[in-house]
Amino acid sequence: MRFWRALADGVMVSVKVQPKSRRPGVQGRVPAVAGERLRIGVCEAAEGGRANKAACATLAGALGIAASLISVVQGATSREKTLRIMGDPALLRVGLERL
């Protein structure tokens, strides 16, 4: 199962966030119980939502879109999260397949 699924107005992306990572950035795909996830490393600690914000910004940078188009919809206090990206699913699909 791939790490993202299309919606009418965007996509849902399953991610695993590594706070306080020595290697920040999108780090590829990792297996999980419910299918694969996209691993994202961030320098920020998991305090006060800073790691969540950084994960959204990191994914936005990798896709070349504004960070404001990405939000955490599930798992705000967990390393395994679901992010929602607003936009054209067909265009987002191209960027996600490159990750």
N, C-alpha and C. Protein backbone atom coordinates (compact mmCIF):
# COMPACT_ATOMS: atom_id res chain seq x y z
N MET A 1 0.85 -1.19 0.00
CA MET A 1 0.00 0.00 0.00
C MET A 1 0.89 1.25 0.00
N ARG A 2 0.61 2.19 -0.87
CA ARG A 2 1.43 3.40 -0.94
C ARG A 2 1.13 4.34 0.23
N PHE A 3 2.02 5.28 0.46
CA PHE A 3 1.94 6.15 1.63
C PHE A 3 0.98 7.32 1.48
N TRP A 4 0.32 7.47 0.34
CA TRP A 4 -0.61 8.57 0.14
C TRP A 4 -1.86 8.05 -0.57
N ARG A 5 -2.95 8.82 -0.41
CA ARG A 5 -4.18 8.52 -1.15
C ARG A 5 -4.85 9.83 -1.56
N ALA A 6 -5.42 9.80 -2.74
CA ALA A 6 -6.04 10.99 -3.32
C ALA A 6 -7.41 11.26 -2.71
N LEU A 7 -7.72 12.53 -2.58
CA LEU A 7 -9.04 13.02 -2.18
C LEU A 7 -9.56 13.91 -3.30
N ALA A 8 -10.76 14.40 -3.16
CA ALA A 8 -11.31 15.29 -4.18
C ALA A 8 -10.54 16.61 -4.26
N ASP A 9 -10.07 17.10 -3.11
CA ASP A 9 -9.41 18.42 -3.08
C ASP A 9 -7.99 18.37 -2.55
N GLY A 10 -7.34 17.21 -2.65
CA GLY A 10 -5.97 17.10 -2.16
C GLY A 10 -5.57 15.66 -1.96
N VAL A 11 -4.64 15.43 -1.04
CA VAL A 11 -4.19 14.07 -0.73
C VAL A 11 -3.96 13.93 0.76
N MET A 12 -4.04 12.69 1.24
CA MET A 12 -3.68 12.34 2.61
C MET A 12 -2.37 11.58 2.53
N VAL A 13 -1.42 11.94 3.40
CA VAL A 13 -0.09 11.33 3.37
C VAL A 13 0.21 10.75 4.75
N SER A 14 0.61 9.49 4.78
CA SER A 14 1.02 8.84 6.03
C SER A 14 2.53 9.06 6.19
N VAL A 15 2.92 9.62 7.34
CA VAL A 15 4.33 9.92 7.57
C VAL A 15 4.78 9.39 8.93
N LYS A 16 6.08 9.22 9.06
CA LYS A 16 6.71 8.93 10.35
C LYS A 16 7.73 10.04 10.55
N VAL A 17 7.54 10.82 11.60
CA VAL A 17 8.40 11.98 11.86
C VAL A 17 9.45 11.61 12.91
N GLN A 18 10.69 11.98 12.63
CA GLN A 18 11.80 11.76 13.56
C GLN A 18 12.24 13.12 14.10
N PRO A 19 11.76 13.50 15.32
CA PRO A 19 12.19 14.77 15.91
C PRO A 19 13.67 14.70 16.31
N LYS A 20 14.30 15.85 16.42
CA LYS A 20 15.71 15.97 16.80
C LYS A 20 16.62 15.12 15.92
N SER A 21 16.30 15.07 14.66
CA SER A 21 17.07 14.26 13.71
C SER A 21 18.38 14.95 13.33
N ARG A 22 19.42 14.15 13.21
CA ARG A 22 20.70 14.70 12.73
C ARG A 22 20.68 14.89 11.22
N ARG A 23 19.75 14.21 10.56
CA ARG A 23 19.60 14.33 9.11
C ARG A 23 18.20 14.84 8.78
N PRO A 24 17.99 16.14 8.84
CA PRO A 24 16.65 16.65 8.53
C PRO A 24 16.33 16.50 7.05
N GLY A 25 15.05 16.32 6.77
CA GLY A 25 14.59 16.23 5.38
C GLY A 25 13.77 14.98 5.16
N VAL A 26 13.28 14.82 3.93
CA VAL A 26 12.54 13.64 3.55
C VAL A 26 13.55 12.51 3.37
N GLN A 27 13.34 11.41 4.07
CA GLN A 27 14.32 10.33 4.10
C GLN A 27 13.84 9.05 3.44
N GLY A 28 12.84 9.13 2.60
CA GLY A 28 12.36 7.96 1.87
C GLY A 28 11.17 7.30 2.53
N ARG A 29 10.90 6.10 2.10
CA ARG A 29 9.73 5.36 2.56
C ARG A 29 10.14 4.28 3.55
N VAL A 30 9.28 4.03 4.53
CA VAL A 30 9.55 2.99 5.53
C VAL A 30 8.30 2.12 5.67
N PRO A 31 8.50 0.82 5.92
CA PRO A 31 7.33 -0.06 6.10
C PRO A 31 6.67 0.20 7.46
N ALA A 32 5.38 -0.01 7.51
CA ALA A 32 4.60 0.12 8.74
C ALA A 32 3.51 -0.94 8.71
N VAL A 33 2.85 -1.14 9.83
CA VAL A 33 1.81 -2.16 9.94
C VAL A 33 0.69 -1.92 8.92
N ALA A 34 0.27 -0.68 8.77
CA ALA A 34 -0.85 -0.36 7.88
C ALA A 34 -0.39 0.00 6.46
N GLY A 35 0.83 -0.33 6.08
CA GLY A 35 1.36 0.03 4.77
C GLY A 35 2.57 0.93 4.95
N GLU A 36 3.13 1.38 3.85
CA GLU A 36 4.34 2.21 3.97
C GLU A 36 4.02 3.64 4.41
N ARG A 37 5.03 4.29 4.97
CA ARG A 37 4.94 5.68 5.39
C ARG A 37 6.14 6.43 4.83
N LEU A 38 6.01 7.73 4.72
CA LEU A 38 7.11 8.58 4.30
C LEU A 38 7.84 9.04 5.56
N ARG A 39 9.14 8.83 5.63
CA ARG A 39 9.91 9.24 6.81
C ARG A 39 10.40 10.67 6.60
N ILE A 40 10.17 11.51 7.63
CA ILE A 40 10.60 12.90 7.60
C ILE A 40 11.39 13.18 8.87
N GLY A 41 12.62 13.61 8.72
CA GLY A 41 13.44 14.00 9.86
C GLY A 41 13.41 15.50 10.03
N VAL A 42 13.27 15.95 11.29
CA VAL A 42 13.26 17.39 11.59
C VAL A 42 14.20 17.67 12.75
N CYS A 43 14.80 18.83 12.78
CA CYS A 43 15.73 19.20 13.86
C CYS A 43 14.99 19.55 15.15
N GLU A 44 13.76 20.02 15.03
CA GLU A 44 13.00 20.50 16.17
C GLU A 44 12.58 19.36 17.11
N ALA A 45 12.43 19.71 18.37
CA ALA A 45 11.94 18.76 19.38
C ALA A 45 10.42 18.65 19.27
N ALA A 46 9.90 17.56 19.79
CA ALA A 46 8.45 17.32 19.76
C ALA A 46 7.78 18.01 20.94
N GLU A 47 7.91 19.30 21.01
CA GLU A 47 7.32 20.11 22.09
C GLU A 47 6.55 21.27 21.49
N GLY A 48 5.34 21.45 21.96
CA GLY A 48 4.54 22.59 21.53
C GLY A 48 4.20 22.59 20.05
N GLY A 49 4.19 21.43 19.42
CA GLY A 49 3.84 21.35 18.01
C GLY A 49 4.94 21.78 17.05
N ARG A 50 6.15 22.02 17.58
CA ARG A 50 7.24 22.49 16.71
C ARG A 50 7.64 21.43 15.69
N ALA A 51 7.70 20.16 16.09
CA ALA A 51 8.07 19.10 15.15
C ALA A 51 6.99 18.92 14.07
N ASN A 52 5.72 19.08 14.46
CA ASN A 52 4.64 18.98 13.47
C ASN A 52 4.77 20.07 12.42
N LYS A 53 5.00 21.29 12.88
CA LYS A 53 5.16 22.42 11.96
C LYS A 53 6.34 22.22 11.03
N ALA A 54 7.44 21.73 11.61
CA ALA A 54 8.65 21.49 10.82
C ALA A 54 8.43 20.38 9.80
N ALA A 55 7.69 19.34 10.17
CA ALA A 55 7.40 18.25 9.24
C ALA A 55 6.58 18.75 8.06
N CYS A 56 5.60 19.59 8.34
CA CYS A 56 4.78 20.16 7.26
C CYS A 56 5.64 21.03 6.34
N ALA A 57 6.50 21.83 6.93
CA ALA A 57 7.38 22.70 6.15
C ALA A 57 8.37 21.89 5.32
N THR A 58 8.89 20.82 5.89
CA THR A 58 9.85 19.98 5.17
C THR A 58 9.19 19.31 3.97
N LEU A 59 8.00 18.76 4.17
CA LEU A 59 7.29 18.13 3.06
C LEU A 59 6.91 19.16 2.00
N ALA A 60 6.48 20.33 2.44
CA ALA A 60 6.14 21.40 1.49
C ALA A 60 7.35 21.79 0.65
N GLY A 61 8.51 21.90 1.28
CA GLY A 61 9.73 22.22 0.55
C GLY A 61 10.07 21.16 -0.48
N ALA A 62 9.91 19.89 -0.11
CA ALA A 62 10.21 18.80 -1.04
C ALA A 62 9.25 18.78 -2.23
N LEU A 63 8.02 19.23 -2.01
CA LEU A 63 7.02 19.24 -3.08
C LEU A 63 6.96 20.57 -3.82
N GLY A 64 7.63 21.59 -3.30
CA GLY A 64 7.61 22.91 -3.93
C GLY A 64 6.28 23.62 -3.79
N ILE A 65 5.65 23.47 -2.64
CA ILE A 65 4.37 24.14 -2.37
C ILE A 65 4.48 24.92 -1.06
N ALA A 66 3.46 25.71 -0.77
CA ALA A 66 3.44 26.49 0.47
C ALA A 66 3.13 25.58 1.66
N ALA A 67 3.82 25.79 2.77
CA ALA A 67 3.60 25.00 3.98
C ALA A 67 2.18 25.17 4.51
N SER A 68 1.55 26.28 4.22
CA SER A 68 0.18 26.52 4.71
C SER A 68 -0.84 25.57 4.07
N LEU A 69 -0.46 24.87 3.00
CA LEU A 69 -1.36 23.92 2.35
C LEU A 69 -1.35 22.56 3.03
N ILE A 70 -0.46 22.37 4.02
CA ILE A 70 -0.33 21.08 4.69
C ILE A 70 -0.72 21.21 6.15
N SER A 71 -1.50 20.25 6.64
CA SER A 71 -1.90 20.25 8.05
C SER A 71 -1.88 18.83 8.59
N VAL A 72 -1.70 18.72 9.91
CA VAL A 72 -1.74 17.43 10.59
C VAL A 72 -3.20 17.14 10.92
N VAL A 73 -3.72 16.00 10.45
CA VAL A 73 -5.12 15.66 10.72
C VAL A 73 -5.25 14.50 11.68
N GLN A 74 -4.16 13.77 11.89
CA GLN A 74 -4.20 12.64 12.82
C GLN A 74 -2.79 12.40 13.36
N GLY A 75 -2.70 12.09 14.66
CA GLY A 75 -1.41 11.74 15.26
C GLY A 75 -0.58 12.92 15.69
N ALA A 76 -1.19 14.01 16.11
CA ALA A 76 -0.44 15.22 16.47
C ALA A 76 0.58 14.97 17.56
N THR A 77 0.34 14.01 18.46
CA THR A 77 1.28 13.74 19.55
C THR A 77 2.05 12.44 19.33
N SER A 78 1.94 11.86 18.16
CA SER A 78 2.61 10.61 17.83
C SER A 78 3.66 10.84 16.75
N ARG A 79 4.59 9.92 16.62
CA ARG A 79 5.56 10.02 15.52
C ARG A 79 4.92 9.64 14.20
N GLU A 80 3.93 8.76 14.25
CA GLU A 80 3.21 8.37 13.04
C GLU A 80 2.00 9.28 12.89
N LYS A 81 1.96 9.99 11.77
CA LYS A 81 0.95 11.02 11.55
C LYS A 81 0.30 10.87 10.19
N THR A 82 -0.83 11.51 10.04
CA THR A 82 -1.47 11.65 8.74
C THR A 82 -1.54 13.14 8.44
N LEU A 83 -0.98 13.53 7.29
CA LEU A 83 -0.99 14.92 6.86
C LEU A 83 -1.94 15.08 5.69
N ARG A 84 -2.62 16.20 5.65
CA ARG A 84 -3.51 16.52 4.53
C ARG A 84 -2.88 17.65 3.73
N ILE A 85 -2.77 17.43 2.43
CA ILE A 85 -2.23 18.44 1.53
C ILE A 85 -3.36 18.90 0.63
N MET A 86 -3.64 20.18 0.66
CA MET A 86 -4.69 20.75 -0.19
C MET A 86 -4.11 21.08 -1.56
N GLY A 87 -4.86 20.80 -2.60
CA GLY A 87 -4.42 21.11 -3.96
C GLY A 87 -4.94 20.08 -4.95
N ASP A 88 -4.48 20.20 -6.17
CA ASP A 88 -4.89 19.30 -7.24
C ASP A 88 -4.22 17.93 -7.04
N PRO A 89 -5.01 16.88 -6.80
CA PRO A 89 -4.42 15.56 -6.54
C PRO A 89 -3.53 15.05 -7.67
N ALA A 90 -3.87 15.37 -8.91
CA ALA A 90 -3.06 14.91 -10.04
C ALA A 90 -1.67 15.53 -10.02
N LEU A 91 -1.60 16.81 -9.70
CA LEU A 91 -0.29 17.49 -9.63
C LEU A 91 0.50 17.03 -8.41
N LEU A 92 -0.18 16.87 -7.28
CA LEU A 92 0.50 16.42 -6.07
C LEU A 92 1.03 15.00 -6.23
N ARG A 93 0.30 14.18 -6.95
CA ARG A 93 0.72 12.79 -7.18
C ARG A 93 2.09 12.73 -7.83
N VAL A 94 2.34 13.58 -8.80
CA VAL A 94 3.62 13.60 -9.49
C VAL A 94 4.76 13.87 -8.50
N GLY A 95 4.57 14.87 -7.66
CA GLY A 95 5.60 15.20 -6.67
C GLY A 95 5.79 14.10 -5.63
N LEU A 96 4.70 13.50 -5.18
CA LEU A 96 4.79 12.45 -4.16
C LEU A 96 5.47 11.20 -4.70
N GLU A 97 5.24 10.86 -5.95
CA GLU A 97 5.86 9.68 -6.54
C GLU A 97 7.38 9.83 -6.65
N ARG A 98 7.87 11.08 -6.71
CA ARG A 98 9.33 11.31 -6.78
C ARG A 98 10.01 11.14 -5.43
N LEU A 99 9.25 11.18 -4.34
CA LEU A 99 9.85 11.10 -3.00
C LEU A 99 10.21 9.68 -2.61
